[in-house]
Amino acid sequence: MGSDDIMIGDKPSEAVYDVSVECYAVLGTADLPIAQLLKLGRGAVVELDRKVNDPVDLYVNRKKIAKAEVVVVEDHLAVTITEVLKRAAD
């Protein structure tokens, strides 16, 4: 076992730094009946459960880890973290 394969205290060693995780932001959700879902097409509007200035939820590997606000960086959407949750929520 190499020195970068061990835990130092309760912090992971550098061995995990290259591990990829899935990270995504959820703008909001909507519950739709199947009948309405089947009628959706190009140009359809699905109203979400959030207001314009409400924070979005930031998830890592399906665990909610933070709240954030949507920003634009050059021509890409991005998020700025506004609150890190103390414990990952489902």
Protein backbone atom coordinates (compact mmCIF):
# COMPACT_ATOMS: atom_id res chain seq x y z
CA MET A 1 0.00 0.00 0.00
CA GLY A 2 1.47 3.36 -1.06
CA SER A 3 1.38 6.53 1.01
CA ASP A 4 -1.40 7.97 -1.17
CA ASP A 5 -3.65 4.93 -0.48
CA ILE A 6 -4.19 5.70 3.20
CA MET A 7 -6.41 7.92 5.27
CA ILE A 8 -4.77 10.64 7.31
CA GLY A 9 -7.03 11.32 10.26
CA ASP A 10 -10.52 11.59 8.83
CA LYS A 11 -9.40 13.20 5.56
CA PRO A 12 -8.99 11.17 2.36
CA SER A 13 -5.55 10.95 0.87
CA GLU A 14 -4.67 12.29 -2.58
CA ALA A 15 -5.58 8.91 -4.12
CA VAL A 16 -9.24 10.00 -4.42
CA TYR A 17 -8.58 13.36 -6.10
CA ASP A 18 -8.89 11.92 -9.63
CA VAL A 19 -12.14 10.02 -8.99
CA SER A 20 -15.00 11.45 -11.07
CA VAL A 21 -18.39 12.16 -9.50
CA GLU A 22 -21.68 13.18 -11.11
CA CYS A 23 -22.62 16.77 -10.26
CA TYR A 24 -25.87 18.41 -11.33
CA ALA A 25 -28.15 21.30 -10.39
CA VAL A 26 -31.93 20.95 -10.17
CA LEU A 27 -33.87 24.06 -11.19
CA GLY A 28 -37.14 22.66 -9.89
CA THR A 29 -39.59 19.81 -10.28
CA ALA A 30 -43.12 19.27 -11.55
CA ASP A 31 -45.63 16.45 -11.08
CA LEU A 32 -47.45 15.70 -14.32
CA PRO A 33 -50.14 13.16 -15.08
CA ILE A 34 -49.12 10.73 -17.83
CA ALA A 35 -51.84 12.16 -20.10
CA GLN A 36 -50.30 15.65 -19.86
CA LEU A 37 -46.78 14.26 -20.29
CA LEU A 38 -47.82 12.52 -23.50
CA LYS A 39 -49.17 15.82 -24.91
CA LEU A 40 -45.85 17.66 -24.44
CA GLY A 41 -44.15 18.76 -27.61
CA ARG A 42 -41.81 21.40 -28.91
CA GLY A 43 -42.63 24.75 -27.33
CA ALA A 44 -44.56 23.25 -24.42
CA VAL A 45 -44.01 24.99 -21.08
CA VAL A 46 -43.66 22.95 -17.89
CA GLU A 47 -44.10 25.10 -14.79
CA LEU A 48 -41.67 24.15 -12.03
CA ASP A 49 -42.14 24.42 -8.27
CA ARG A 50 -39.58 27.23 -7.85
CA LYS A 51 -39.73 30.99 -8.23
CA VAL A 52 -37.27 32.90 -10.43
CA ASN A 53 -34.91 33.94 -7.62
CA ASP A 54 -35.19 30.74 -5.55
CA PRO A 55 -31.95 28.80 -5.07
CA VAL A 56 -31.35 25.62 -7.04
CA ASP A 57 -30.26 22.36 -5.43
CA LEU A 58 -26.76 21.07 -6.17
CA TYR A 59 -26.32 17.29 -6.11
CA VAL A 60 -23.23 15.09 -6.16
CA ASN A 61 -23.84 11.41 -6.84
CA ARG A 62 -27.58 11.86 -6.13
CA LYS A 63 -26.99 13.47 -2.72
CA LYS A 64 -28.00 17.10 -2.21
CA ILE A 65 -24.90 18.88 -0.95
CA ALA A 66 -25.60 22.59 -1.45
CA LYS A 67 -27.92 25.37 -2.55
CA ALA A 68 -26.82 27.64 -5.36
CA GLU A 69 -27.88 30.41 -7.70
CA VAL A 70 -27.77 30.21 -11.48
CA VAL A 71 -25.24 32.50 -13.17
CA VAL A 72 -23.85 32.92 -16.68
CA VAL A 73 -20.13 32.50 -17.31
CA GLU A 74 -19.29 33.66 -20.83
CA ASP A 75 -21.86 31.67 -22.85
CA HIS A 76 -22.41 28.84 -20.35
CA LEU A 77 -24.81 28.38 -17.46
CA ALA A 78 -23.12 27.84 -14.11
CA VAL A 79 -23.99 27.94 -10.42
CA THR A 80 -22.57 29.89 -7.50
CA ILE A 81 -22.83 28.00 -4.23
CA THR A 82 -24.74 30.03 -1.65
CA GLU A 83 -25.04 27.43 1.13
CA VAL A 84 -23.24 24.16 1.78
CA LEU A 85 -25.49 21.70 3.59
CA LYS A 86 -24.05 20.30 6.81
CA ARG A 87 -25.13 16.79 5.97
CA ALA A 88 -25.92 15.43 2.53
CA ALA A 89 -29.71 15.26 2.05
CA ASP A 90 -31.57 12.84 -0.19
